[in-house]
Amino acid sequence: MTTQTLPPPQQKPPPHEAPLPGASLTGASGEDLRALALRHGLTVCGARPSLPAYARQIWSRRDFITAFATARLTAQYSQARLGQVWQVMTPLLNAAVYYLIFGVLMDAKDGVADYVPFLITGIFVWTFTSNTILAGTRAISGNLGLVRALHFPRASLPISLSLQQLQQLLLSLAALAMILLGLGEFPTWSWFLAVPALLCQALFNTGVALVLARLAARTPDISQLMPFVLRTWMYASGAMWSIQNLAASGRFPDGVVLALQCNPAAVYIDLMRFALIESYTSAQLPPHVWALAAGWALLAFGGGFIWFWKAEETYGRG
């Protein structure tokens, strides 16, 4: 009868000699795995692409951005009986309230030619900026299901919401044109200046919306704070009163007046008034107004886009 000798039991290395978790990832085998992944085009899931690649991804999804904006615009007042009429009625009702407060009670119309067109244009233009910024604060937090379920460049959301507000403004401008015609403001060649003014304003609004979308994604309380910030900004932008009359009164230092004139919201309101209201002349515009409008637009959009892109891999997590 033969006896079999069992192999000696394998001894486990002492705890201080056991390999650390993930140690192979930093050794030669880890380098081999990384080289293998790169050779087959594999990348880290959710990694932030380069800035040019990110911009190309946004452009490739332009149809989604447009469709998302249009769908949101259509659904915005779908439950209201008047439907899309509220897109025009809301700024008009605001203008009526502000006319009662500022035009009648506070007599802000004193010294302002064509105060009603002046006021309505200012309210319509300001509403575009205000609504775009408010929508930006909810771009990520209000679409978490979409962010977590699908892979796409997250900047598509604040950009599409900005496009939605631009579409709404264009509908409102048609009503504004009819109101101006009824008030005796007939079309002139200067009306075409509204196009570059709106383009600059749209870029500026989108840039600010991108900045706030990133901030509000981490700190949702910002969306609760923004209405108070925007209300203060509106009062400082001359939507209901004339900054030029304030400058002529001499009650404030020149530095304060210059800051009010260079306020980006005031710049875009002034340009739209200059384009649409005949009595609003170039003498009422701040110096270098077009350079200011373009500068604010490029600074806000470029800076906002880069700022948002830097946190691309963090949206929807946590």
Protein backbone atom coordinates (compact mmCIF):
# COMPACT_ATOMS: atom_id res chain seq x y z
CA MET A 1 0.00 0.00 0.00
CA THR A 2 1.45 3.27 -1.14
CA THR A 3 1.21 6.44 0.81
CA GLN A 4 0.76 9.82 -0.81
CA THR A 5 2.50 12.82 0.52
CA LEU A 6 0.40 15.94 0.55
CA PRO A 7 2.06 19.12 -0.63
CA PRO A 8 3.00 21.45 2.16
CA PRO A 9 0.33 24.07 2.85
CA GLN A 10 0.98 27.44 1.28
CA GLN A 11 1.82 29.99 3.84
CA LYS A 12 0.15 33.36 3.62
CA PRO A 13 2.51 36.28 3.76
CA PRO A 14 2.57 38.17 7.00
CA PRO A 15 0.14 41.09 7.14
CA HIS A 16 2.97 43.57 6.74
CA GLU A 17 4.00 41.85 3.49
CA ALA A 18 0.52 41.51 1.96
CA PRO A 19 0.07 43.55 -1.23
CA LEU A 20 -1.85 46.73 -0.75
CA PRO A 21 -5.19 47.12 -2.56
CA GLY A 22 -4.62 48.77 -5.91
CA ALA A 23 -0.87 48.28 -5.73
CA SER A 24 -0.94 46.51 -9.07
CA LEU A 25 -2.41 49.62 -10.64
CA THR A 26 0.76 51.53 -9.89
CA GLY A 27 3.18 48.82 -10.90
CA ALA A 28 4.23 47.50 -14.24
CA SER A 29 0.96 45.62 -14.74
CA GLY A 30 -0.97 48.86 -14.14
CA GLU A 31 1.13 50.58 -16.76
CA ASP A 32 0.37 47.72 -19.13
CA LEU A 33 -3.34 48.02 -18.47
CA ARG A 34 -3.27 51.77 -19.12
CA ALA A 35 -1.35 51.25 -22.34
CA LEU A 36 -3.85 48.55 -23.38
CA ALA A 37 -6.79 50.87 -22.64
CA LEU A 38 -5.24 53.72 -24.61
CA ARG A 39 -4.43 51.42 -27.52
CA HIS A 40 -8.08 50.40 -27.77
CA GLY A 41 -9.45 53.91 -27.32
CA LEU A 42 -10.83 53.43 -23.81
CA THR A 43 -11.16 56.47 -21.58
CA VAL A 44 -12.15 57.15 -17.99
CA CYS A 45 -15.92 57.15 -17.60
CA GLY A 46 -17.24 60.68 -17.03
CA ALA A 47 -13.85 62.33 -17.56
CA ARG A 48 -13.90 65.96 -18.63
CA PRO A 49 -13.01 66.39 -22.33
CA SER A 50 -10.70 69.08 -23.57
CA LEU A 51 -12.24 72.50 -24.11
CA PRO A 52 -12.20 72.30 -27.96
CA ALA A 53 -13.68 68.77 -27.83
CA TYR A 54 -16.33 70.01 -25.40
CA ALA A 55 -17.28 72.86 -27.74
CA ARG A 56 -17.56 70.38 -30.62
CA GLN A 57 -19.82 68.17 -28.52
CA ILE A 58 -22.09 71.15 -27.82
CA TRP A 59 -22.26 72.00 -31.52
CA SER A 60 -23.03 68.39 -32.48
CA ARG A 61 -26.03 68.49 -30.13
CA ARG A 62 -27.46 71.74 -31.47
CA ASP A 63 -30.63 69.94 -32.63
CA PHE A 64 -31.22 68.65 -29.09
CA ILE A 65 -30.61 72.12 -27.64
CA THR A 66 -33.11 73.70 -30.03
CA ALA A 67 -35.73 70.98 -29.54
CA PHE A 68 -35.37 71.11 -25.75
CA ALA A 69 -35.77 74.89 -25.73
CA THR A 70 -38.83 74.78 -27.99
CA ALA A 71 -40.46 72.02 -25.95
CA ARG A 72 -39.93 73.94 -22.71
CA LEU A 73 -41.34 77.10 -24.27
CA THR A 74 -44.44 75.26 -25.52
CA ALA A 75 -45.05 73.56 -22.19
CA GLN A 76 -44.42 76.65 -20.06
CA TYR A 77 -48.01 77.93 -20.15
CA SER A 78 -49.73 74.76 -21.35
CA GLN A 79 -51.89 74.59 -18.20
CA ALA A 80 -53.07 78.21 -18.45
CA ARG A 81 -56.29 79.04 -20.30
CA LEU A 82 -54.64 81.88 -22.22
CA GLY A 83 -51.63 79.70 -23.05
CA GLN A 84 -48.81 81.46 -24.84
CA VAL A 85 -50.54 84.83 -24.50
CA TRP A 86 -48.93 85.04 -21.06
CA GLN A 87 -45.54 85.34 -22.73
CA VAL A 88 -46.60 88.84 -23.74
CA MET A 89 -49.02 89.62 -20.93
CA THR A 90 -46.50 89.08 -18.12
CA PRO A 91 -44.03 91.85 -19.12
CA LEU A 92 -46.94 94.11 -20.11
CA LEU A 93 -48.58 93.73 -16.71
CA ASN A 94 -45.23 94.39 -15.06
CA ALA A 95 -44.85 97.53 -17.18
CA ALA A 96 -48.33 98.68 -16.12
CA VAL A 97 -47.48 98.23 -12.43
CA TYR A 98 -44.16 100.03 -12.79
CA TYR A 99 -45.83 102.86 -14.70
CA LEU A 100 -48.25 103.35 -11.81
CA ILE A 101 -45.44 103.31 -9.22
CA PHE A 102 -42.64 105.14 -11.02
CA GLY A 103 -44.44 107.10 -13.72
CA VAL A 104 -47.38 108.34 -11.66
CA LEU A 105 -46.57 108.11 -7.95
CA MET A 106 -42.84 108.85 -8.16
CA ASP A 107 -43.07 111.04 -11.29
CA ALA A 108 -40.09 109.33 -12.94
CA LYS A 109 -41.52 110.24 -16.34
CA ASP A 110 -40.67 113.89 -15.77
CA GLY A 111 -38.00 114.88 -18.29
CA VAL A 112 -38.26 111.59 -20.25
CA ALA A 113 -39.66 111.92 -23.76
CA ASP A 114 -42.05 109.13 -24.79
CA TYR A 115 -42.03 107.60 -21.33
CA VAL A 116 -44.43 104.76 -22.15
CA PRO A 117 -42.27 103.34 -25.00
CA PHE A 118 -39.23 104.05 -22.82
CA LEU A 119 -40.70 102.02 -19.95
CA ILE A 120 -42.12 99.12 -21.99
CA THR A 121 -38.87 98.62 -23.91
CA GLY A 122 -36.87 98.65 -20.70
CA ILE A 123 -39.15 96.11 -19.01
CA PHE A 124 -39.15 93.74 -22.01
CA VAL A 125 -35.37 93.82 -22.31
CA TRP A 126 -34.81 93.44 -18.57
CA THR A 127 -37.26 90.50 -18.40
CA PHE A 128 -35.11 88.68 -20.96
CA THR A 129 -32.02 89.00 -18.76
CA SER A 130 -33.85 88.23 -15.51
CA ASN A 131 -35.64 85.12 -16.78
CA THR A 132 -32.50 83.73 -18.40
CA ILE A 133 -30.48 84.07 -15.20
CA LEU A 134 -33.23 82.53 -13.07
CA ALA A 135 -33.53 79.62 -15.50
CA GLY A 136 -29.76 79.13 -15.29
CA THR A 137 -29.90 78.62 -11.52
CA ARG A 138 -32.24 75.65 -12.09
CA ALA A 139 -30.52 74.24 -15.18
CA ILE A 140 -28.77 71.37 -13.36
CA SER A 141 -30.74 70.99 -10.13
CA GLY A 142 -34.05 71.05 -12.03
CA ASN A 143 -32.97 68.37 -14.51
CA LEU A 144 -31.12 65.89 -12.30
CA GLY A 145 -33.00 62.93 -13.75
CA LEU A 146 -31.82 63.82 -17.24
CA VAL A 147 -28.28 64.55 -16.06
CA ARG A 148 -27.94 61.21 -14.25
CA ALA A 149 -29.61 59.11 -16.93
CA LEU A 150 -27.91 60.31 -20.11
CA HIS A 151 -24.38 61.22 -21.15
CA PHE A 152 -24.19 64.58 -22.88
CA PRO A 153 -22.35 67.88 -22.36
CA ARG A 154 -24.09 69.47 -19.40
CA ALA A 155 -23.68 72.97 -20.79
CA SER A 156 -26.42 72.02 -23.24
CA LEU A 157 -28.97 72.60 -20.47
CA PRO A 158 -28.24 76.25 -19.52
CA ILE A 159 -27.65 77.07 -23.21
CA SER A 160 -31.00 75.58 -24.20
CA LEU A 161 -32.77 77.45 -21.39
CA SER A 162 -31.16 80.67 -22.59
CA LEU A 163 -32.37 79.90 -26.11
CA GLN A 164 -35.86 79.33 -24.71
CA GLN A 165 -35.86 82.81 -23.19
CA LEU A 166 -34.59 84.29 -26.46
CA GLN A 167 -37.44 82.60 -28.34
CA GLN A 168 -39.87 84.02 -25.81
CA LEU A 169 -38.38 87.49 -26.21
CA LEU A 170 -38.74 87.34 -29.99
CA LEU A 171 -42.44 86.59 -29.58
CA SER A 172 -42.74 89.46 -27.13
CA LEU A 173 -40.90 91.83 -29.47
CA ALA A 174 -43.58 91.30 -32.09
CA ALA A 175 -46.11 92.58 -29.56
CA LEU A 176 -43.72 95.37 -28.56
CA ALA A 177 -43.49 96.48 -32.21
CA MET A 178 -47.29 96.68 -32.42
CA ILE A 179 -47.39 98.72 -29.20
CA LEU A 180 -44.71 101.10 -30.48
CA LEU A 181 -46.63 101.55 -33.72
CA GLY A 182 -49.75 102.38 -31.72
CA LEU A 183 -47.77 104.95 -29.74
CA GLY A 184 -46.47 106.64 -32.91
CA GLU A 185 -43.03 105.00 -33.14
CA PHE A 186 -42.81 103.98 -36.80
CA PRO A 187 -40.07 101.66 -38.17
CA THR A 188 -36.82 103.27 -39.24
CA TRP A 189 -33.44 101.93 -40.29
CA SER A 190 -32.32 102.11 -36.68
CA TRP A 191 -34.63 99.20 -35.83
CA PHE A 192 -32.06 96.88 -37.45
CA LEU A 193 -29.63 97.85 -34.68
CA ALA A 194 -31.79 95.76 -32.36
CA VAL A 195 -30.31 92.61 -33.93
CA PRO A 196 -26.66 93.06 -32.80
CA ALA A 197 -27.87 94.47 -29.48
CA LEU A 198 -29.96 91.35 -28.82
CA LEU A 199 -27.12 89.09 -29.95
CA CYS A 200 -24.76 90.69 -27.44
CA GLN A 201 -27.37 90.52 -24.71
CA ALA A 202 -28.11 86.84 -25.46
CA LEU A 203 -24.40 85.96 -25.18
CA PHE A 204 -24.09 87.89 -21.93
CA ASN A 205 -27.20 86.25 -20.45
CA THR A 206 -26.00 82.77 -21.44
CA GLY A 207 -22.60 83.35 -19.86
CA VAL A 208 -24.12 84.46 -16.55
CA ALA A 209 -26.55 81.53 -16.68
CA LEU A 210 -23.61 79.12 -17.08
CA VAL A 211 -21.85 80.61 -14.06
CA LEU A 212 -24.96 80.37 -11.89
CA ALA A 213 -25.78 76.88 -13.15
CA ARG A 214 -22.48 75.62 -11.75
CA LEU A 215 -22.86 77.52 -8.47
CA ALA A 216 -26.46 76.43 -7.93
CA ALA A 217 -25.62 72.80 -8.74
CA ARG A 218 -23.53 72.74 -5.54
CA THR A 219 -25.50 75.31 -3.53
CA PRO A 220 -29.24 75.16 -4.36
CA ASP A 221 -29.95 78.05 -1.99
CA ILE A 222 -28.61 80.40 -4.66
CA SER A 223 -31.84 79.98 -6.61
CA GLN A 224 -33.74 81.32 -3.57
CA LEU A 225 -31.42 84.30 -3.25
CA MET A 226 -31.38 85.35 -6.92
CA PRO A 227 -34.84 87.03 -7.05
CA PHE A 228 -33.65 89.58 -4.47
CA VAL A 229 -30.37 90.13 -6.30
CA LEU A 230 -32.16 90.56 -9.63
CA ARG A 231 -34.69 92.98 -8.18
CA THR A 232 -31.88 95.18 -6.88
CA TRP A 233 -30.07 94.91 -10.23
CA MET A 234 -33.24 95.94 -12.08
CA TYR A 235 -33.60 99.11 -10.02
CA ALA A 236 -29.95 99.97 -10.75
CA SER A 237 -30.34 99.39 -14.50
CA GLY A 238 -32.65 102.26 -15.39
CA ALA A 239 -35.49 100.06 -16.64
CA MET A 240 -38.09 102.41 -15.13
CA TRP A 241 -36.15 105.66 -14.82
CA SER A 242 -33.52 107.61 -16.74
CA ILE A 243 -29.87 107.30 -15.72
CA GLN A 244 -29.16 110.39 -17.85
CA ASN A 245 -31.56 112.47 -15.75
CA LEU A 246 -29.86 111.20 -12.61
CA ALA A 247 -26.47 112.21 -14.03
CA ALA A 248 -27.80 115.68 -14.91
CA SER A 249 -29.20 116.18 -11.40
CA GLY A 250 -25.71 116.20 -9.87
CA ARG A 251 -26.88 114.34 -6.76
CA PHE A 252 -24.41 111.47 -7.18
CA PRO A 253 -20.65 111.42 -7.80
CA ASP A 254 -19.46 110.91 -11.36
CA GLY A 255 -18.04 107.50 -10.45
CA VAL A 256 -21.45 106.22 -9.34
CA VAL A 257 -23.11 107.53 -12.49
CA LEU A 258 -20.42 105.94 -14.67
CA ALA A 259 -20.88 102.60 -12.90
CA LEU A 260 -24.63 102.77 -13.51
CA GLN A 261 -24.10 103.60 -17.18
CA CYS A 262 -21.61 100.75 -17.66
CA ASN A 263 -23.87 98.26 -15.90
CA PRO A 264 -24.34 95.56 -18.60
CA ALA A 265 -28.13 95.37 -18.17
CA ALA A 266 -28.36 99.16 -18.56
CA VAL A 267 -26.13 99.03 -21.65
CA TYR A 268 -28.43 96.57 -23.45
CA ILE A 269 -31.56 98.47 -22.38
CA ASP A 270 -30.06 101.71 -23.71
CA LEU A 271 -29.15 100.12 -27.04
CA MET A 272 -32.65 98.72 -27.55
CA ARG A 273 -34.20 102.09 -26.70
CA PHE A 274 -31.82 103.79 -29.12
CA ALA A 275 -32.79 101.31 -31.84
CA LEU A 276 -36.56 101.43 -31.38
CA ILE A 277 -37.45 104.88 -29.97
CA GLU A 278 -36.89 107.86 -32.23
CA SER A 279 -36.61 110.39 -29.40
CA TYR A 280 -33.90 108.32 -27.68
CA THR A 281 -30.79 109.69 -29.33
CA SER A 282 -27.08 108.85 -29.24
CA ALA A 283 -26.57 111.75 -26.81
CA GLN A 284 -28.32 109.63 -24.17
CA LEU A 285 -25.97 106.67 -24.63
CA PRO A 286 -22.85 106.17 -22.48
CA PRO A 287 -19.45 106.58 -24.21
CA HIS A 288 -18.24 103.61 -26.29
CA VAL A 289 -21.57 101.84 -25.78
CA TRP A 290 -21.09 99.24 -28.54
CA ALA A 291 -17.64 98.35 -27.26
CA LEU A 292 -19.15 97.94 -23.80
CA ALA A 293 -21.93 95.73 -25.13
CA ALA A 294 -19.53 93.48 -27.06
CA GLY A 295 -17.01 93.39 -24.22
CA TRP A 296 -19.56 92.35 -21.62
CA ALA A 297 -20.93 89.69 -23.99
CA LEU A 298 -17.54 88.13 -24.78
CA LEU A 299 -16.32 88.31 -21.19
CA ALA A 300 -19.47 86.75 -19.73
CA PHE A 301 -19.93 84.04 -22.34
CA GLY A 302 -16.26 83.06 -22.64
CA GLY A 303 -15.63 83.13 -18.90
CA GLY A 304 -18.93 81.43 -18.08
CA PHE A 305 -18.38 78.64 -20.60
CA ILE A 306 -14.88 77.86 -19.29
CA TRP A 307 -16.02 78.11 -15.65
CA PHE A 308 -18.88 75.66 -16.30
CA TRP A 309 -16.68 73.26 -18.29
CA LYS A 310 -14.13 72.98 -15.48
CA ALA A 311 -16.72 71.21 -13.28
CA GLU A 312 -18.24 69.07 -16.05
CA GLU A 313 -17.50 65.72 -14.38
CA THR A 314 -19.13 66.74 -11.07
CA TYR A 315 -22.67 67.56 -12.21
CA GLY A 316 -25.34 65.15 -10.99
CA ARG A 317 -23.06 63.41 -8.51
CA GLY A 318 -23.31 63.38 -4.77
